[in-house]
C-alpha atoms as a PDB file:
ATOM      1  CA  MET A   1       7.175  29.559  -5.054  1.00  0.00           C
ATOM      2  CA  SER A   2       8.699  26.714  -3.069  1.00  0.00           C
ATOM      3  CA  ASP A   3       5.278  26.513  -0.824  1.00  0.00           C
ATOM      4  CA  PHE A   4       2.662  26.508  -3.175  1.00  0.00           C
ATOM      5  CA  PRO A   5       0.201  24.004  -3.118  1.00  0.00           C
ATOM      6  CA  ALA A   6      -0.478  21.608  -5.695  1.00  0.00           C
ATOM      7  CA  ILE A   7      -3.838  23.074  -6.342  1.00  0.00           C
ATOM      8  CA  HIS A   8      -5.171  26.030  -4.940  1.00  0.00           C
ATOM      9  CA  LEU A   9      -8.894  27.187  -5.339  1.00  0.00           C
ATOM     10  CA  GLN A  10      -9.966  30.477  -3.966  1.00  0.00           C
ATOM     11  CA  GLY A  11     -13.778  31.665  -4.254  1.00  0.00           C
ATOM     12  CA  LEU A  12     -14.657  29.274  -7.391  1.00  0.00           C
ATOM     13  CA  THR A  13     -17.858  29.819  -8.646  1.00  0.00           C
ATOM     14  CA  LYS A  14     -19.513  28.436 -11.719  1.00  0.00           C
ATOM     15  CA  THR A  15     -23.065  29.205 -12.986  1.00  0.00           C
ATOM     16  CA  TYR A  16     -24.590  27.496 -15.677  1.00  0.00           C
ATOM     17  CA  GLY A  17     -27.225  29.148 -17.918  1.00  0.00           C
ATOM     18  CA  SER A  18     -28.777  32.590 -16.653  1.00  0.00           C
ATOM     19  CA  GLY A  19     -31.932  34.239 -15.670  1.00  0.00           C
ATOM     20  CA  PRO A  20     -34.394  32.151 -13.579  1.00  0.00           C
ATOM     21  CA  ARG A  21     -33.268  28.806 -14.881  1.00  0.00           C
ATOM     22  CA  ALA A  22     -29.453  29.779 -13.851  1.00  0.00           C
ATOM     23  CA  LYS A  23     -27.957  26.932 -12.105  1.00  0.00           C
ATOM     24  CA  LEU A  24     -24.873  27.253  -9.413  1.00  0.00           C
ATOM     25  CA  ALA A  25     -22.800  24.418  -9.688  1.00  0.00           C
ATOM     26  CA  LEU A  26     -19.885  25.776  -7.622  1.00  0.00           C
ATOM     27  CA  GLN A  27     -20.601  28.090  -4.876  1.00  0.00           C
ATOM     28  CA  GLY A  28     -17.386  30.052  -3.566  1.00  0.00           C
ATOM     29  CA  ILE A  29     -15.047  26.919  -3.393  1.00  0.00           C
ATOM     30  CA  ASP A  30     -11.933  27.537  -1.152  1.00  0.00           C
ATOM     31  CA  LEU A  31      -9.767  24.360  -1.294  1.00  0.00           C
ATOM     32  CA  GLU A  32      -6.009  23.740  -0.966  1.00  0.00           C
ATOM     33  CA  ILE A  33      -4.240  20.436  -2.126  1.00  0.00           C
ATOM     34  CA  PRO A  34      -1.010  19.683  -0.650  1.00  0.00           C
ATOM     35  CA  ARG A  35       1.869  18.630  -2.879  1.00  0.00           C
ATOM     36  CA  GLY A  36       2.707  15.172  -2.749  1.00  0.00           C
ATOM     37  CA  SER A  37      -0.531  14.063  -1.450  1.00  0.00           C
ATOM     38  CA  PHE A  38      -3.327  11.567  -1.998  1.00  0.00           C
ATOM     39  CA  PHE A  39      -6.297  13.726  -2.337  1.00  0.00           C
ATOM     40  CA  GLY A  40     -10.174  12.257  -2.292  1.00  0.00           C
ATOM     41  CA  LEU A  41     -12.731  14.591  -3.580  1.00  0.00           C
ATOM     42  CA  LEU A  42     -16.046  13.125  -2.666  1.00  0.00           C
ATOM     43  CA  GLY A  43     -19.597  14.081  -3.197  1.00  0.00           C
ATOM     44  CA  PRO A  44     -22.907  12.757  -4.207  1.00  0.00           C
ATOM     45  CA  ASN A  45     -23.970  12.903  -7.918  1.00  0.00           C
ATOM     46  CA  GLY A  46     -24.736  16.645  -8.941  1.00  0.00           C
ATOM     47  CA  ALA A  47     -22.344  17.881  -5.980  1.00  0.00           C
ATOM     48  CA  GLY A  48     -20.103  19.825  -8.539  1.00  0.00           C
ATOM     49  CA  LYS A  49     -17.022  17.506  -8.655  1.00  0.00           C
ATOM     50  CA  SER A  50     -17.121  17.251 -12.307  1.00  0.00           C
ATOM     51  CA  THR A  51     -17.572  21.119 -12.602  1.00  0.00           C
ATOM     52  CA  LEU A  52     -14.598  21.389 -10.636  1.00  0.00           C
ATOM     53  CA  ILE A  53     -12.393  18.888 -12.301  1.00  0.00           C
ATOM     54  CA  ASN A  54     -13.644  20.221 -15.821  1.00  0.00           C
ATOM     55  CA  ILE A  55     -12.650  24.047 -14.850  1.00  0.00           C
ATOM     56  CA  LEU A  56      -9.028  22.650 -13.565  1.00  0.00           C
ATOM     57  CA  ALA A  57      -8.604  20.567 -17.006  1.00  0.00           C
ATOM     58  CA  GLY A  58      -9.824  23.748 -19.229  1.00  0.00           C
ATOM     59  CA  LEU A  59     -13.081  22.293 -20.335  1.00  0.00           C
ATOM     60  CA  VAL A  60     -15.310  24.407 -18.659  1.00  0.00           C
ATOM     61  CA  ARG A  61     -14.936  28.173 -18.108  1.00  0.00           C
ATOM     62  CA  LYS A  62     -15.464  29.537 -14.103  1.00  0.00           C
ATOM     63  CA  SER A  63     -17.792  32.116 -13.465  1.00  0.00           C
ATOM     64  CA  GLY A  64     -15.619  33.590 -10.884  1.00  0.00           C
ATOM     65  CA  GLY A  65     -12.698  33.288  -8.266  1.00  0.00           C
ATOM     66  CA  ARG A  66      -9.302  31.928  -8.674  1.00  0.00           C
ATOM     67  CA  ALA A  67      -7.847  28.756  -9.621  1.00  0.00           C
ATOM     68  CA  ALA A  68      -4.008  27.822  -9.836  1.00  0.00           C
ATOM     69  CA  ILE A  69      -2.347  24.341 -10.438  1.00  0.00           C
ATOM     70  CA  TRP A  70       1.495  23.870  -9.276  1.00  0.00           C
ATOM     71  CA  GLY A  71       1.735  27.663  -8.854  1.00  0.00           C
ATOM     72  CA  HIS A  72       0.306  28.312 -12.137  1.00  0.00           C
ATOM     73  CA  ASP A  73      -2.957  30.629 -12.508  1.00  0.00           C
ATOM     74  CA  ILE A  74      -5.545  29.133 -15.081  1.00  0.00           C
ATOM     75  CA  ASP A  75      -6.165  32.312 -16.240  1.00  0.00           C
ATOM     76  CA  THR A  76      -3.025  34.054 -16.735  1.00  0.00           C
ATOM     77  CA  ASP A  77      -0.842  30.823 -17.239  1.00  0.00           C
ATOM     78  CA  PRO A  78      -3.058  28.624 -19.024  1.00  0.00           C
ATOM     79  CA  ARG A  79      -0.514  26.791 -20.982  1.00  0.00           C
ATOM     80  CA  ARG A  80       1.791  25.695 -17.791  1.00  0.00           C
ATOM     81  CA  ALA A  81      -1.284  25.087 -15.577  1.00  0.00           C
ATOM     82  CA  ARG A  82      -2.573  22.296 -18.255  1.00  0.00           C
ATOM     83  CA  ALA A  83       1.017  21.025 -18.292  1.00  0.00           C
ATOM     84  CA  ALA A  84       0.882  20.483 -14.619  1.00  0.00           C
ATOM     85  CA  ILE A  85      -1.922  18.526 -14.604  1.00  0.00           C
ATOM     86  CA  GLY A  86      -3.246  14.872 -16.220  1.00  0.00           C
ATOM     87  CA  VAL A  87      -6.807  13.795 -15.664  1.00  0.00           C
ATOM     88  CA  VAL A  88      -8.262  10.788 -16.259  1.00  0.00           C
ATOM     89  CA  PRO A  89     -12.030  11.207 -17.034  1.00  0.00           C
ATOM     90  CA  GLN A  90     -14.972   8.923 -16.284  1.00  0.00           C
ATOM     91  CA  GLU A  91     -16.127   8.259 -20.044  1.00  0.00           C
ATOM     92  CA  LEU A  92     -13.914   6.096 -22.116  1.00  0.00           C
ATOM     93  CA  ASN A  93     -13.131   8.721 -24.535  1.00  0.00           C
ATOM     94  CA  LEU A  94     -10.742   6.886 -26.820  1.00  0.00           C
ATOM     95  CA  ASP A  95     -10.648   7.274 -30.640  1.00  0.00           C
ATOM     96  CA  PRO A  96     -11.135   3.631 -32.009  1.00  0.00           C
ATOM     97  CA  PHE A  97      -9.205   3.608 -34.956  1.00  0.00           C
ATOM     98  CA  PHE A  98      -5.882   4.454 -32.880  1.00  0.00           C
ATOM     99  CA  THR A  99      -3.498   1.740 -31.441  1.00  0.00           C
ATOM    100  CA  PRO A 100      -2.532   2.594 -27.700  1.00  0.00           C
ATOM    101  CA  ARG A 101       0.914   3.512 -28.974  1.00  0.00           C
ATOM    102  CA  GLU A 102      -0.479   6.015 -31.495  1.00  0.00           C
ATOM    103  CA  ALA A 103      -2.953   7.695 -29.055  1.00  0.00           C
ATOM    104  CA  MET A 104       0.131   7.947 -26.774  1.00  0.00           C
ATOM    105  CA  GLU A 105       2.260   9.551 -29.277  1.00  0.00           C
ATOM    106  CA  PHE A 106      -0.975  11.970 -30.331  1.00  0.00           C
ATOM    107  CA  GLN A 107      -1.058  13.035 -26.695  1.00  0.00           C
ATOM    108  CA  ALA A 108       2.675  13.384 -26.465  1.00  0.00           C
ATOM    109  CA  GLY A 109       2.452  15.950 -29.619  1.00  0.00           C
ATOM    110  CA  LEU A 110      -0.523  17.943 -28.010  1.00  0.00           C
ATOM    111  CA  TYR A 111       1.544  18.665 -25.082  1.00  0.00           C
ATOM    112  CA  GLY A 112       4.863  19.314 -27.125  1.00  0.00           C
ATOM    113  CA  VAL A 113       6.918  16.354 -25.423  1.00  0.00           C
ATOM    114  CA  PRO A 114       9.944  16.274 -27.391  1.00  0.00           C
ATOM    115  CA  LYS A 115      10.237  12.549 -29.066  1.00  0.00           C
ATOM    116  CA  ALA A 116      13.664  11.988 -27.461  1.00  0.00           C
ATOM    117  CA  GLU A 117      11.888  12.516 -23.889  1.00  0.00           C
ATOM    118  CA  ARG A 118       8.841  10.472 -24.826  1.00  0.00           C
ATOM    119  CA  GLN A 119       8.504   7.183 -22.488  1.00  0.00           C
ATOM    120  CA  THR A 120       5.502   5.598 -24.879  1.00  0.00           C
ATOM    121  CA  ASP A 121       6.635   2.298 -24.258  1.00  0.00           C
ATOM    122  CA  ALA A 122       7.746   2.599 -20.449  1.00  0.00           C
ATOM    123  CA  ILE A 123       4.366   3.786 -19.661  1.00  0.00           C
ATOM    124  CA  LEU A 124       2.165   1.163 -21.694  1.00  0.00           C
ATOM    125  CA  ALA A 125       4.361  -1.493 -19.835  1.00  0.00           C
ATOM    126  CA  ALA A 126       3.835   0.271 -16.359  1.00  0.00           C
ATOM    127  CA  VAL A 127      -0.106  -0.049 -17.010  1.00  0.00           C
ATOM    128  CA  GLY A 128       0.229  -3.700 -18.525  1.00  0.00           C
ATOM    129  CA  LEU A 129      -0.588  -3.053 -21.996  1.00  0.00           C
ATOM    130  CA  THR A 130       2.517  -3.981 -23.692  1.00  0.00           C
ATOM    131  CA  ASP A 131       0.793  -6.734 -25.415  1.00  0.00           C
ATOM    132  CA  LYS A 132      -1.828  -4.234 -26.770  1.00  0.00           C
ATOM    133  CA  ALA A 133       0.359  -1.537 -27.958  1.00  0.00           C
ATOM    134  CA  ASP A 134      -0.135  -1.919 -31.490  1.00  0.00           C
ATOM    135  CA  ALA A 135      -4.052  -3.836 -31.351  1.00  0.00           C
ATOM    136  CA  TYR A 136      -6.870  -0.739 -32.308  1.00  0.00           C
ATOM    137  CA  ALA A 137      -8.449   0.665 -29.318  1.00  0.00           C
ATOM    138  CA  ARG A 138     -11.798  -0.489 -30.140  1.00  0.00           C
ATOM    139  CA  THR A 139     -10.480  -4.346 -29.775  1.00  0.00           C
ATOM    140  CA  LEU A 140      -9.532  -3.361 -26.229  1.00  0.00           C
ATOM    141  CA  SER A 141     -11.718  -4.524 -23.146  1.00  0.00           C
ATOM    142  CA  GLY A 142     -13.250  -1.731 -20.775  1.00  0.00           C
ATOM    143  CA  GLY A 143     -10.405  -2.568 -18.391  1.00  0.00           C
ATOM    144  CA  MET A 144      -7.734  -2.012 -20.951  1.00  0.00           C
ATOM    145  CA  ARG A 145      -9.341   0.813 -22.242  1.00  0.00           C
ATOM    146  CA  ARG A 146      -9.115   2.565 -18.758  1.00  0.00           C
ATOM    147  CA  ARG A 147      -5.582   1.653 -18.463  1.00  0.00           C
ATOM    148  CA  LEU A 148      -4.658   3.367 -21.614  1.00  0.00           C
ATOM    149  CA  LEU A 149      -6.589   6.607 -20.114  1.00  0.00           C
ATOM    150  CA  VAL A 150      -4.437   6.744 -17.208  1.00  0.00           C
ATOM    151  CA  ALA A 151      -1.468   6.216 -19.551  1.00  0.00           C
ATOM    152  CA  LYS A 152      -2.307   9.124 -21.795  1.00  0.00           C
ATOM    153  CA  ALA A 153      -2.942  11.273 -18.804  1.00  0.00           C
ATOM    154  CA  LEU A 154       0.897  10.377 -17.691  1.00  0.00           C
ATOM    155  CA  MET A 155       2.261  11.146 -21.046  1.00  0.00           C
ATOM    156  CA  HIS A 156       3.345  14.457 -20.493  1.00  0.00           C
ATOM    157  CA  ALA A 157       4.459  13.690 -16.785  1.00  0.00           C
ATOM    158  CA  PRO A 158       2.302  16.087 -15.227  1.00  0.00           C
ATOM    159  CA  PRO A 159       2.788  16.566 -11.186  1.00  0.00           C
ATOM    160  CA  VAL A 160      -0.835  16.137 -10.509  1.00  0.00           C
ATOM    161  CA  LEU A 161      -2.896  13.564 -11.824  1.00  0.00           C
ATOM    162  CA  VAL A 162      -6.626  13.420 -11.464  1.00  0.00           C
ATOM    163  CA  LEU A 163      -8.699  10.449 -11.416  1.00  0.00           C
ATOM    164  CA  ASP A 164     -12.337  10.905 -12.154  1.00  0.00           C
ATOM    165  CA  GLU A 165     -14.019   7.461 -11.148  1.00  0.00           C
ATOM    166  CA  PRO A 166     -11.224   5.495 -12.278  1.00  0.00           C
ATOM    167  CA  THR A 167     -12.604   2.150 -11.070  1.00  0.00           C
ATOM    168  CA  ALA A 168     -16.276   2.319 -12.369  1.00  0.00           C
ATOM    169  CA  GLY A 169     -17.132  -0.886 -13.774  1.00  0.00           C
ATOM    170  CA  VAL A 170     -13.699  -2.384 -13.389  1.00  0.00           C
ATOM    171  CA  ASP A 171     -12.886  -5.943 -12.322  1.00  0.00           C
ATOM    172  CA  ILE A 172     -11.102  -6.645  -8.971  1.00  0.00           C
ATOM    173  CA  GLU A 173      -8.072  -7.423 -10.470  1.00  0.00           C
ATOM    174  CA  LEU A 174      -7.480  -4.582 -12.583  1.00  0.00           C
ATOM    175  CA  ARG A 175      -8.577  -2.509  -9.604  1.00  0.00           C
ATOM    176  CA  GLN A 176      -5.744  -3.856  -7.363  1.00  0.00           C
ATOM    177  CA  GLN A 177      -3.347  -3.403 -10.364  1.00  0.00           C
ATOM    178  CA  LEU A 178      -4.220   0.203 -10.984  1.00  0.00           C
ATOM    179  CA  TRP A 179      -4.119   1.406  -7.311  1.00  0.00           C
ATOM    180  CA  ALA A 180      -0.576  -0.552  -6.728  1.00  0.00           C
ATOM    181  CA  TYR A 181       0.845   1.579  -9.751  1.00  0.00           C
ATOM    182  CA  VAL A 182      -0.947   4.762  -8.555  1.00  0.00           C
ATOM    183  CA  LYS A 183       0.530   4.329  -5.347  1.00  0.00           C
ATOM    184  CA  ARG A 184       3.883   3.976  -6.748  1.00  0.00           C
ATOM    185  CA  LEU A 185       3.702   7.282  -8.549  1.00  0.00           C
ATOM    186  CA  ASN A 186       2.270   8.920  -5.447  1.00  0.00           C
ATOM    187  CA  ALA A 187       5.305   7.647  -3.434  1.00  0.00           C
ATOM    188  CA  ALA A 188       7.689   8.866  -6.039  1.00  0.00           C
ATOM    189  CA  GLY A 189       6.022  12.521  -5.695  1.00  0.00           C
ATOM    190  CA  THR A 190       3.064  12.630  -7.740  1.00  0.00           C
ATOM    191  CA  THR A 191      -0.178  14.388  -6.440  1.00  0.00           C
ATOM    192  CA  VAL A 192      -3.122  12.672  -6.841  1.00  0.00           C
ATOM    193  CA  VAL A 193      -6.367  13.713  -6.596  1.00  0.00           C
ATOM    194  CA  LEU A 194      -9.063  10.874  -6.499  1.00  0.00           C
ATOM    195  CA  THR A 195     -13.245  11.118  -7.041  1.00  0.00           C
ATOM    196  CA  THR A 196     -14.819   7.819  -6.148  1.00  0.00           C
ATOM    197  CA  HIS A 197     -18.146   6.409  -5.115  1.00  0.00           C
ATOM    198  CA  TYR A 198     -16.160   3.676  -3.572  1.00  0.00           C
ATOM    199  CA  LEU A 199     -15.990   5.251  -0.309  1.00  0.00           C
ATOM    200  CA  GLU A 200     -13.820   2.124   1.083  1.00  0.00           C
ATOM    201  CA  GLU A 201     -11.170   2.981  -1.371  1.00  0.00           C
ATOM    202  CA  ALA A 202     -11.115   6.436  -0.611  1.00  0.00           C
ATOM    203  CA  GLU A 203     -10.567   5.925   3.114  1.00  0.00           C
ATOM    204  CA  ALA A 204      -7.882   3.234   2.312  1.00  0.00           C
ATOM    205  CA  LEU A 205      -5.842   5.491  -0.037  1.00  0.00           C
ATOM    206  CA  CYS A 206      -6.614   9.050   0.867  1.00  0.00           C
ATOM    207  CA  ASP A 207      -4.458  10.711   3.300  1.00  0.00           C
ATOM    208  CA  ARG A 208      -6.776  13.794   3.137  1.00  0.00           C
ATOM    209  CA  ILE A 209     -10.428  14.307   2.089  1.00  0.00           C
ATOM    210  CA  ALA A 210     -12.571  16.758   0.996  1.00  0.00           C
ATOM    211  CA  ILE A 211     -16.436  16.272   0.659  1.00  0.00           C
ATOM    212  CA  ILE A 212     -18.565  18.528  -1.627  1.00  0.00           C
ATOM    213  CA  ASN A 213     -22.476  18.885  -1.456  1.00  0.00           C
ATOM    214  CA  HIS A 214     -24.591  21.494  -3.378  1.00  0.00           C
ATOM    215  CA  GLY A 215     -21.223  23.104  -4.639  1.00  0.00           C
ATOM    216  CA  GLN A 216     -19.779  23.649  -1.444  1.00  0.00           C
ATOM    217  CA  VAL A 217     -16.976  22.047   0.655  1.00  0.00           C
ATOM    218  CA  VAL A 218     -18.870  20.819   3.713  1.00  0.00           C
ATOM    219  CA  ALA A 219     -15.782  19.006   4.983  1.00  0.00           C
ATOM    220  CA  CYS A 220     -11.990  18.871   4.583  1.00  0.00           C
ATOM    221  CA  ASP A 221      -9.287  17.455   6.746  1.00  0.00           C
ATOM    222  CA  ARG A 222      -7.060  14.373   7.170  1.00  0.00           C
ATOM    223  CA  THR A 223      -8.978  11.146   6.417  1.00  0.00           C
ATOM    224  CA  PRO A 224      -8.601   9.910  10.422  1.00  0.00           C
ATOM    225  CA  VAL A 225      -9.766  13.277  11.636  1.00  0.00           C
ATOM    226  CA  LEU A 226     -12.609  13.657   9.522  1.00  0.00           C
ATOM    227  CA  ILE A 227     -14.086  10.052  10.658  1.00  0.00           C
ATOM    228  CA  GLY A 228     -13.147  10.759  14.370  1.00  0.00           C
ATOM    229  CA  GLN A 229     -15.851  13.993  13.891  1.00  0.00           C
ATOM    230  CA  LEU A 230     -18.581  11.275  14.449  1.00  0.00           C
ATOM    231  CA  ASP A 231     -18.135  10.225  17.792  1.00  0.00           C
ATOM    232  CA  ARG A 232     -20.213   7.165  17.365  1.00  0.00           C
ATOM    233  CA  LYS A 233     -19.743   3.519  17.820  1.00  0.00           C
ATOM    234  CA  ASP A 234     -21.688   0.330  17.835  1.00  0.00           C
ATOM    235  CA  VAL A 235     -21.662  -2.579  20.080  1.00  0.00           C
ATOM    236  CA  ILE A 236     -23.234  -5.914  18.907  1.00  0.00           C
ATOM    237  CA  LEU A 237     -23.867  -8.428  21.749  1.00  0.00           C
ATOM    238  CA  THR A 238     -24.382 -12.016  20.978  1.00  0.00           C
ATOM    239  CA  LEU A 239     -26.626 -13.208  24.052  1.00  0.00           C
ATOM    240  CA  GLU A 240     -26.862 -16.344  26.057  1.00  0.00           C
ATOM    241  CA  ALA A 241     -30.775 -16.327  25.719  1.00  0.00           C
ATOM    242  CA  PRO A 242     -32.870 -15.092  23.063  1.00  0.00           C
ATOM    243  CA  LEU A 243     -35.040 -11.884  23.099  1.00  0.00           C
ATOM    244  CA  ALA A 244     -38.542 -11.169  21.838  1.00  0.00           C
ATOM    245  CA  ALA A 245     -37.970  -7.566  22.085  1.00  0.00           C
ATOM    246  CA  PRO A 246     -35.034  -5.052  22.993  1.00  0.00           C
ATOM    247  CA  PRO A 247     -34.840  -4.330  26.631  1.00  0.00           C
ATOM    248  CA  PRO A 248     -37.061  -0.980  27.265  1.00  0.00           C
ATOM    249  CA  GLY A 249     -33.925   0.334  29.565  1.00  0.00           C
ATOM    250  CA  LEU A 250     -31.618   0.561  26.740  1.00  0.00           C
ATOM    251  CA  ALA A 251     -33.747   2.535  24.462  1.00  0.00           C
ATOM    252  CA  ASP A 252     -31.540   5.613  24.684  1.00  0.00           C
ATOM    253  CA  LEU A 253     -28.655   3.632  23.260  1.00  0.00           C
ATOM    254  CA  GLY A 254     -30.916   2.820  20.126  1.00  0.00           C
ATOM    255  CA  ALA A 255     -31.086  -0.984  21.025  1.00  0.00           C
ATOM    256  CA  GLU A 256     -32.239  -3.048  18.020  1.00  0.00           C
ATOM    257  CA  LEU A 257     -32.479  -6.656  17.420  1.00  0.00           C
ATOM    258  CA  LEU A 258     -30.474  -8.013  14.692  1.00  0.00           C
ATOM    259  CA  GLU A 259     -31.589 -11.817  15.247  1.00  0.00           C
ATOM    260  CA  PRO A 260     -33.267 -12.985  18.411  1.00  0.00           C
ATOM    261  CA  ALA A 261     -29.910 -13.495  20.456  1.00  0.00           C
ATOM    262  CA  ARG A 262     -28.104 -10.636  18.716  1.00  0.00           C
ATOM    263  CA  LEU A 263     -28.286  -7.073  19.877  1.00  0.00           C
ATOM    264  CA  ARG A 264     -27.008  -3.650  18.506  1.00  0.00           C
ATOM    265  CA  LEU A 265     -26.426  -0.696  20.464  1.00  0.00           C
ATOM    266  CA  HIS A 266     -25.120   2.874  19.544  1.00  0.00           C
ATOM    267  CA  TYR A 267     -23.256   5.162  21.986  1.00  0.00           C
ATOM    268  CA  ARG A 268     -21.179   8.476  21.667  1.00  0.00           C
ATOM    269  CA  PRO A 269     -17.794   7.635  23.229  1.00  0.00           C
ATOM    270  CA  SER A 270     -17.199  10.973  24.292  1.00  0.00           C
ATOM    271  CA  GLN A 271     -20.512  11.041  26.558  1.00  0.00           C
ATOM    272  CA  MET A 272     -20.409   7.445  27.505  1.00  0.00           C
ATOM    273  CA  PRO A 273     -17.351   5.025  28.210  1.00  0.00           C
ATOM    274  CA  PHE A 274     -17.577   1.498  27.099  1.00  0.00           C
ATOM    275  CA  HIS A 275     -17.636   0.273  30.732  1.00  0.00           C
ATOM    276  CA  ALA A 276     -20.724   2.255  31.450  1.00  0.00           C
ATOM    277  CA  VAL A 277     -22.347   0.831  28.515  1.00  0.00           C
ATOM    278  CA  MET A 278     -21.828  -2.849  29.789  1.00  0.00           C
ATOM    279  CA  ALA A 279     -23.017  -1.618  33.197  1.00  0.00           C
ATOM    280  CA  ARG A 280     -26.487  -0.823  31.412  1.00  0.00           C
ATOM    281  CA  CYS A 281     -26.409  -4.274  29.927  1.00  0.00           C
ATOM    282  CA  ALA A 282     -26.035  -6.064  33.263  1.00  0.00           C
ATOM    283  CA  ALA A 283     -28.625  -3.742  34.658  1.00  0.00           C
ATOM    284  CA  ALA A 284     -31.033  -4.889  32.091  1.00  0.00           C
ATOM    285  CA  GLY A 285     -30.276  -8.473  33.046  1.00  0.00           C
ATOM    286  CA  LEU A 286     -28.174  -9.410  29.684  1.00  0.00           C
ATOM    287  CA  LEU A 287     -26.204 -12.314  29.706  1.00  0.00           C
ATOM    288  CA  ILE A 288     -23.449 -11.827  27.182  1.00  0.00           C
ATOM    289  CA  ARG A 289     -21.712 -14.707  25.295  1.00  0.00           C
ATOM    290  CA  ASP A 290     -19.623 -12.556  23.001  1.00  0.00           C
ATOM    291  CA  LEU A 291     -19.522  -8.903  21.692  1.00  0.00           C
ATOM    292  CA  SER A 292     -17.846  -6.709  18.886  1.00  0.00           C
ATOM    293  CA  THR A 293     -17.548  -3.417  18.400  1.00  0.00           C
ATOM    294  CA  GLN A 294     -17.832  -1.141  14.978  1.00  0.00           C
ATOM    295  CA  GLU A 295     -16.247   2.130  14.377  1.00  0.00           C
ATOM    296  CA  ALA A 296     -17.912   4.715  12.634  1.00  0.00           C
ATOM    297  CA  ASP A 297     -16.501   4.793   8.834  1.00  0.00           C
ATOM    298  CA  LEU A 298     -16.187   7.406   5.840  1.00  0.00           C
ATOM    299  CA  GLU A 299     -19.241   6.041   4.743  1.00  0.00           C
ATOM    300  CA  ASP A 300     -21.411   7.275   7.710  1.00  0.00           C
ATOM    301  CA  LEU A 301     -19.604  10.777   7.668  1.00  0.00           C
ATOM    302  CA  PHE A 302     -20.394  11.023   3.929  1.00  0.00           C
ATOM    303  CA  LEU A 303     -23.844  10.034   4.366  1.00  0.00           C
ATOM    304  CA  GLU A 304     -24.331  12.538   7.399  1.00  0.00           C
ATOM    305  CA  LEU A 305     -22.702  15.417   5.743  1.00  0.00           C
ATOM    306  CA  THR A 306     -24.366  14.843   2.200  1.00  0.00           C
ATOM    307  CA  ARG A 307     -27.936  14.153   3.601  1.00  0.00           C
ATOM    308  CA  ARG A 308     -27.992  17.905   5.048  1.00  0.00           C
ATOM    309  CA  PRO A 309     -30.001  20.318   2.950  1.00  0.00           C
ATOM    310  CA  ALA A 310     -28.367  23.279   0.934  1.00  0.00           C
ATOM    311  CA  ALA A 311     -27.571  26.181   3.206  1.00  0.00           C
END
């Protein structure tokens, strides 16, 4: 059992409803999330991310396949499977009449954490809620409530932490504080699974990423490997003289005018080296004052993969 992944999914399916109105939300998901990874689970709205997370959390029953958390099958060993995961949901689902300290103690009781082992004050301090520990949850700001959700998810010290859109509607300062804390958790060994629509966050934080579309995994690999699949690069030229239109000889490079004296070109490095692009520009009579290049990023890959129709 020493080599088990943090999360293992095999042929996972979920169908809502039956008959002609049945909706297939997950279509045979196969996925392994390594222990200790910072894993991004991305996809457009309706792709199946929330369904997958809710199955792992024990809130939705799967229709078929297998799922295991920290080596514990969610069907044959549900108690240990649920104890191995902490989920921070999108919704701010807090009891408004509980204080953060009371909410944490209640959470500990649900998971059977002995009083002598509870780290309520330490966790509240870590998420910056010490001074609000005894205030009613209804008086907390949206950002503070989201911090409390993170604290609750950590109360039973799970080895796997799932963050479902944790920074939606959160200000920049809180977002930085949250990521600093989560990165410390990950460095200490906690496996982090992140869903987010902020793709720049996923690209900066996650060492591995899976993209789900139409209930299927359409890509999964280390982050730089995934982005490298696009094989696309842009060159933006600042010209000595303005142009009325892009040079016809550069049409196959997707030449477009951003401004009269700024031209953008697209090319594939695997098919055309950079010096060949510059030679084409010289042949077109362009005098270049300055240039910059733009690599493909996660957003480009995400859009390319999720715009494809369902298989």
